[in-house]
Amino acid sequence: MQQKIGVLADVHGNLTALEAVIADAKANGVTEFWSLGDITTFGPGTVASYHLLQQENTTVFLQGNWESTYFEIEAGEPIDFGNAKDVAFLAWMSREYAAFNQAEIDQIRQLPIKRRVERAGLKIDLMHNQPNKNYGSDLSPDAPQANFDKVFQGTDADMAIYAHVHAQIMRCDNIAYEPYRMHRILNTGTVGQSYQLTQKGMIAQYLLLTLDDTVGVASADFRRVNYDTSLEIARAQQADWPFSESYIRMLKTGQFTRDADSLAADKRFPEYQAQAQSFYQQLKGE
């Protein structure tokens, strides 16, 4: 018996890209989804993306580093209101907190950063980034082999799947004493921020994993799907999304522009700065 699972991550508020991924996955026989975190922010569709995944058969939700930032800020993480990146995150967070209900925020708060799933005779460790933390660049595409070898230290997992670095990757750990039983390490890529622009628009990435009861992993298909960037741009504009200039620039050019200088150059920066300060004071109960 076979089952097809869509493994996805790093939606970053890009609902249009997520819709394209889900449609492609279901057209290819996917009946279940695993979400490895960072559904949150940059684009306007965070809350709608959570709701869409909940409507589908999504059996795994993990907490990415962007979701963790919600709760770090709630716990009193220092904010520099002169830093446009801090201001932007708070501006986006304020919109998302207004749209989520409290039960949903509490549910996200409780999400793990790692989860073990056992299917088709395999023990699969699902992580947003690493087994013990959901941030950092230790498992970037150009990271040394020793970093990937650490993924399986102290675990009996057969395979690991992670996200976070926005790149579709297949690696193995280096088990010298078992050369034909190297552990596979897969990365889903990113749904919402691939920065890959084609004539048809931006690309969304996900992993289509086919599991078979007799052979384990029958295939691991790194899928890349075009989505309607003009629709996503219209959604950002309609929502009057904070710092939408940077978001739309990414969608049009494929260039990553969520840096402090470009955000600070937004003509509405003082307005967003005031909104962020007001929201932060509300969180602190002032």
Protein backbone atom coordinates (compact mmCIF):
# COMPACT_ATOMS: atom_id res chain seq x y z
CA MET A 1 0.00 0.00 0.00
CA GLN A 2 1.22 3.50 -0.87
CA GLN A 3 0.37 6.90 0.54
CA LYS A 4 1.32 10.33 -0.75
CA ILE A 5 2.09 13.14 1.66
CA GLY A 6 2.64 16.80 0.88
CA VAL A 7 5.38 18.14 3.15
CA LEU A 8 5.54 21.92 3.14
CA ALA A 9 6.91 24.85 5.10
CA ASP A 10 7.82 28.53 5.05
CA VAL A 11 4.56 29.84 3.65
CA HIS A 12 5.31 33.24 5.22
CA GLY A 13 1.83 34.61 4.70
CA ASN A 14 1.71 33.86 0.97
CA LEU A 15 -1.77 32.38 0.65
CA THR A 16 -1.75 32.34 -3.16
CA ALA A 17 1.39 30.20 -3.23
CA LEU A 18 -0.08 27.83 -0.63
CA GLU A 19 -3.28 27.44 -2.65
CA ALA A 20 -1.22 26.50 -5.72
CA VAL A 21 0.81 23.96 -3.74
CA ILE A 22 -2.28 22.30 -2.26
CA ALA A 23 -3.96 22.14 -5.67
CA ASP A 24 -0.86 20.58 -7.25
CA ALA A 25 -0.45 18.11 -4.40
CA LYS A 26 -4.06 16.94 -4.53
CA ALA A 27 -3.91 16.61 -8.33
CA ASN A 28 -0.94 14.29 -7.79
CA GLY A 29 -2.71 12.07 -5.29
CA VAL A 30 -1.69 13.65 -1.98
CA THR A 31 -4.18 12.82 0.79
CA GLU A 32 -2.30 14.22 3.80
CA PHE A 33 -0.14 17.23 4.59
CA TRP A 34 2.66 17.89 7.07
CA SER A 35 3.42 21.55 7.85
CA LEU A 36 6.92 22.19 9.22
CA GLY A 37 6.46 25.77 10.40
CA ASP A 38 6.89 29.42 9.45
CA ILE A 39 3.41 29.92 8.09
CA THR A 40 3.72 33.37 9.62
CA THR A 41 4.30 36.85 8.18
CA PHE A 42 5.82 38.93 5.48
CA GLY A 43 2.72 38.37 3.34
CA PRO A 44 -0.88 39.14 4.32
CA GLY A 45 -2.21 35.58 4.32
CA THR A 46 -0.93 34.09 7.59
CA VAL A 47 -4.29 33.51 9.26
CA ALA A 48 -5.99 32.36 6.05
CA SER A 49 -3.11 29.95 5.43
CA TYR A 50 -3.52 28.38 8.87
CA HIS A 51 -7.24 28.01 8.27
CA LEU A 52 -6.71 26.48 4.82
CA LEU A 53 -4.27 23.89 6.16
CA GLN A 54 -6.67 23.04 8.96
CA GLN A 55 -9.40 22.43 6.38
CA GLU A 56 -7.14 19.99 4.55
CA ASN A 57 -5.90 16.78 6.14
CA THR A 58 -2.88 18.40 7.82
CA THR A 59 -1.81 16.01 10.55
CA VAL A 60 1.45 17.72 11.58
CA PHE A 61 2.00 21.36 12.52
CA LEU A 62 5.37 22.55 13.81
CA GLN A 63 6.43 25.88 15.27
CA GLY A 64 8.91 27.71 13.08
CA ASN A 65 11.24 30.45 14.24
CA TRP A 66 8.82 33.15 13.07
CA GLU A 67 6.02 31.69 15.17
CA SER A 68 8.44 31.46 18.09
CA THR A 69 9.14 35.17 17.69
CA TYR A 70 5.50 35.87 18.58
CA PHE A 71 6.02 34.41 22.01
CA GLU A 72 9.51 35.80 22.54
CA ILE A 73 8.00 39.26 22.07
CA GLU A 74 5.12 38.39 24.42
CA ALA A 75 7.72 37.33 26.99
CA GLY A 76 9.46 40.71 26.83
CA GLU A 77 12.03 40.38 24.04
CA PRO A 78 13.62 43.85 23.73
CA ILE A 79 12.36 45.85 20.76
CA ASP A 80 14.30 48.56 18.96
CA PHE A 81 11.72 50.87 17.42
CA GLY A 82 14.47 52.51 15.42
CA ASN A 83 15.13 49.18 13.70
CA ALA A 84 12.75 48.78 10.77
CA LYS A 85 12.91 44.97 10.95
CA ASP A 86 11.60 45.01 14.52
CA VAL A 87 8.92 47.52 13.56
CA ALA A 88 7.85 45.44 10.55
CA PHE A 89 7.49 42.24 12.55
CA LEU A 90 5.39 43.97 15.19
CA ALA A 91 3.22 45.63 12.53
CA TRP A 92 2.55 42.25 10.92
CA MET A 93 2.09 40.52 14.27
CA SER A 94 -0.50 43.10 15.34
CA ARG A 95 -2.59 42.37 12.25
CA GLU A 96 -2.33 38.62 12.74
CA TYR A 97 -3.18 38.75 16.44
CA ALA A 98 -6.24 40.79 15.58
CA ALA A 99 -7.38 38.10 13.11
CA PHE A 100 -6.56 34.99 15.17
CA ASN A 101 -8.74 34.13 18.12
CA GLN A 102 -7.09 33.48 21.47
CA ALA A 103 -7.56 29.71 21.21
CA GLU A 104 -5.66 29.69 17.91
CA ILE A 105 -2.78 31.72 19.34
CA ASP A 106 -2.61 29.37 22.31
CA GLN A 107 -2.58 26.39 19.94
CA ILE A 108 0.34 27.83 17.98
CA ARG A 109 2.12 28.54 21.27
CA GLN A 110 2.01 24.83 22.13
CA LEU A 111 3.35 23.56 18.80
CA PRO A 112 6.61 21.60 18.99
CA ILE A 113 9.69 22.37 16.88
CA LYS A 114 10.22 18.66 16.20
CA ARG A 115 7.98 15.63 15.88
CA ARG A 116 8.53 11.92 15.20
CA VAL A 117 6.19 10.23 12.72
CA GLU A 118 6.25 6.47 12.08
CA ARG A 119 4.99 5.37 8.68
CA ALA A 120 5.70 2.51 6.26
CA GLY A 121 8.12 0.94 8.71
CA LEU A 122 10.15 4.17 8.98
CA LYS A 123 10.87 6.49 11.88
CA ILE A 124 10.82 9.98 10.37
CA ASP A 125 11.94 13.02 12.36
CA LEU A 126 10.21 16.20 11.22
CA MET A 127 11.87 19.49 12.22
CA HIS A 128 11.59 23.13 11.27
CA ASN A 129 15.38 23.38 11.34
CA GLN A 130 17.42 21.24 13.75
CA PRO A 131 16.40 18.74 16.42
CA ASN A 132 17.05 21.19 19.27
CA LYS A 133 16.38 24.62 17.73
CA ASN A 134 14.23 26.11 14.98
CA TYR A 135 16.60 28.86 13.86
CA GLY A 136 20.13 29.30 12.54
CA SER A 137 22.06 28.44 9.38
CA ASP A 138 23.83 25.24 10.49
CA LEU A 139 21.94 23.20 7.86
CA SER A 140 22.17 25.66 4.98
CA PRO A 141 22.86 24.14 1.53
CA ASP A 142 26.59 24.88 1.76
CA ALA A 143 27.01 23.74 5.38
CA PRO A 144 29.79 21.23 6.12
CA GLN A 145 28.97 17.54 6.18
CA ALA A 146 29.67 17.38 9.91
CA ASN A 147 26.60 19.56 10.56
CA PHE A 148 24.34 17.11 8.77
CA ASP A 149 25.90 14.16 10.57
CA LYS A 150 24.76 15.65 13.89
CA VAL A 151 21.09 15.42 12.89
CA PHE A 152 20.99 11.72 13.74
CA GLN A 153 23.21 11.73 16.81
CA GLY A 154 21.41 10.12 19.74
CA THR A 155 18.37 9.10 17.70
CA ASP A 156 17.11 5.94 16.03
CA ALA A 157 15.39 7.82 13.20
CA ASP A 158 15.59 6.44 9.66
CA MET A 159 15.09 9.79 7.94
CA ALA A 160 14.82 13.50 8.73
CA ILE A 161 12.89 16.23 6.95
CA TYR A 162 13.45 19.90 7.74
CA ALA A 163 12.76 23.35 6.29
CA HIS A 164 13.85 26.89 7.27
CA VAL A 165 16.64 27.51 4.71
CA HIS A 166 14.25 28.00 1.74
CA ALA A 167 16.09 25.50 -0.46
CA GLN A 168 15.11 22.04 -1.63
CA ILE A 169 17.86 19.69 -0.52
CA MET A 170 18.62 15.98 -0.39
CA ARG A 171 21.60 15.07 1.76
CA CYS A 172 22.77 12.04 3.72
CA ASP A 173 24.70 11.67 6.91
CA ASN A 174 28.11 10.02 6.71
CA ILE A 175 27.96 6.60 8.38
CA ALA A 176 31.29 5.04 7.45
CA TYR A 177 30.52 1.72 9.08
CA GLU A 178 27.20 1.32 7.22
CA PRO A 179 27.82 2.76 3.73
CA TYR A 180 24.58 1.39 2.30
CA ARG A 181 22.36 2.57 5.13
CA MET A 182 23.04 6.28 5.14
CA HIS A 183 20.19 8.32 6.57
CA ARG A 184 18.37 10.61 4.17
CA ILE A 185 17.98 14.28 5.10
CA LEU A 186 15.42 16.13 2.98
CA ASN A 187 14.42 19.79 2.88
CA THR A 188 10.98 20.81 1.67
CA GLY A 189 12.00 24.17 0.22
CA THR A 190 9.68 27.13 0.72
CA VAL A 191 6.09 27.69 -0.33
CA GLY A 192 6.07 31.47 -0.10
CA GLN A 193 9.61 32.82 -0.48
CA SER A 194 11.56 30.90 -3.11
CA TYR A 195 12.68 34.06 -4.96
CA GLN A 196 12.56 31.98 -8.15
CA LEU A 197 10.93 34.05 -10.86
CA THR A 198 9.87 32.63 -14.23
CA GLN A 199 7.94 34.08 -17.16
CA LYS A 200 4.79 32.72 -15.51
CA GLY A 201 5.56 34.28 -12.14
CA MET A 202 7.09 33.12 -8.88
CA ILE A 203 7.69 29.49 -7.93
CA ALA A 204 6.33 27.72 -4.85
CA GLN A 205 8.19 24.64 -3.54
CA TYR A 206 7.16 21.60 -1.56
CA LEU A 207 8.04 17.91 -1.12
CA LEU A 208 5.75 15.16 -2.40
CA LEU A 209 6.69 12.10 -0.39
CA THR A 210 5.44 8.69 -1.49
CA LEU A 211 5.65 6.04 1.22
CA ASP A 212 5.25 2.34 0.51
CA ASP A 213 4.67 -0.39 3.06
CA THR A 214 7.12 -2.71 1.31
CA VAL A 215 10.01 -0.41 0.33
CA GLY A 216 9.65 2.55 2.69
CA VAL A 217 10.28 5.67 0.61
CA ALA A 218 9.10 4.95 -2.93
CA SER A 219 9.90 8.47 -4.12
CA ALA A 220 10.72 11.96 -2.93
CA ASP A 221 9.57 14.46 -5.52
CA PHE A 222 10.77 18.03 -5.09
CA ARG A 223 7.86 19.87 -6.63
CA ARG A 224 7.99 23.41 -8.02
CA VAL A 225 4.74 25.12 -8.91
CA ASN A 226 3.97 28.49 -10.49
CA TYR A 227 1.38 30.66 -8.80
CA ASP A 228 -0.44 33.83 -9.74
CA THR A 229 1.79 36.58 -8.36
CA SER A 230 -0.61 39.27 -9.61
CA LEU A 231 -3.31 37.79 -7.37
CA GLU A 232 -0.98 37.80 -4.36
CA ILE A 233 -0.01 41.40 -5.08
CA ALA A 234 -3.70 42.35 -5.26
CA ARG A 235 -4.33 40.64 -1.93
CA ALA A 236 -1.52 42.60 -0.27
CA GLN A 237 -2.85 45.85 -1.67
CA GLN A 238 -6.44 45.09 -0.74
CA ALA A 239 -5.39 44.28 2.81
CA ASP A 240 -3.38 47.52 3.00
CA TRP A 241 -0.64 45.29 4.33
CA PRO A 242 2.18 46.99 6.29
CA PHE A 243 5.40 47.33 4.30
CA SER A 244 3.65 45.92 1.24
CA GLU A 245 6.13 47.77 -0.98
CA SER A 246 8.90 45.34 0.02
CA TYR A 247 6.63 42.33 -0.30
CA ILE A 248 5.39 43.32 -3.75
CA ARG A 249 8.96 44.06 -4.86
CA MET A 250 9.91 40.49 -3.95
CA LEU A 251 6.96 39.06 -5.86
CA LYS A 252 7.75 41.12 -8.95
CA THR A 253 11.55 40.74 -9.02
CA GLY A 254 12.38 37.66 -6.98
CA GLN A 255 14.72 39.78 -4.86
CA PHE A 256 14.81 39.42 -1.10
CA THR A 257 14.14 42.88 0.31
CA ARG A 258 13.22 42.37 3.95
CA ASP A 259 16.30 44.24 5.13
CA ALA A 260 16.24 47.17 7.53
CA ASP A 261 17.22 49.82 4.98
CA SER A 262 14.56 48.94 2.42
CA LEU A 263 11.88 48.66 5.10
CA ALA A 264 12.87 52.01 6.62
CA ALA A 265 12.61 53.61 3.18
CA ASP A 266 8.89 52.84 3.04
CA LYS A 267 7.05 56.17 2.86
CA ARG A 268 4.63 55.00 5.57
CA PHE A 269 7.34 53.96 8.01
CA PRO A 270 6.42 56.54 10.71
CA GLU A 271 2.82 55.30 10.61
CA TYR A 272 3.87 51.68 10.96
CA GLN A 273 6.30 52.62 13.72
CA ALA A 274 3.47 54.20 15.72
CA GLN A 275 1.25 51.16 15.16
CA ALA A 276 4.02 48.83 16.33
CA GLN A 277 4.61 50.87 19.49
CA SER A 278 0.90 50.89 20.30
CA PHE A 279 0.60 47.13 19.82
CA TYR A 280 3.69 46.46 21.94
CA GLN A 281 2.28 48.55 24.76
CA GLN A 282 -0.98 46.56 24.58
CA LEU A 283 0.96 43.29 24.82
CA LYS A 284 2.70 44.58 27.94
CA GLY A 285 -0.64 45.70 29.38
CA GLU A 286 0.29 49.36 29.49
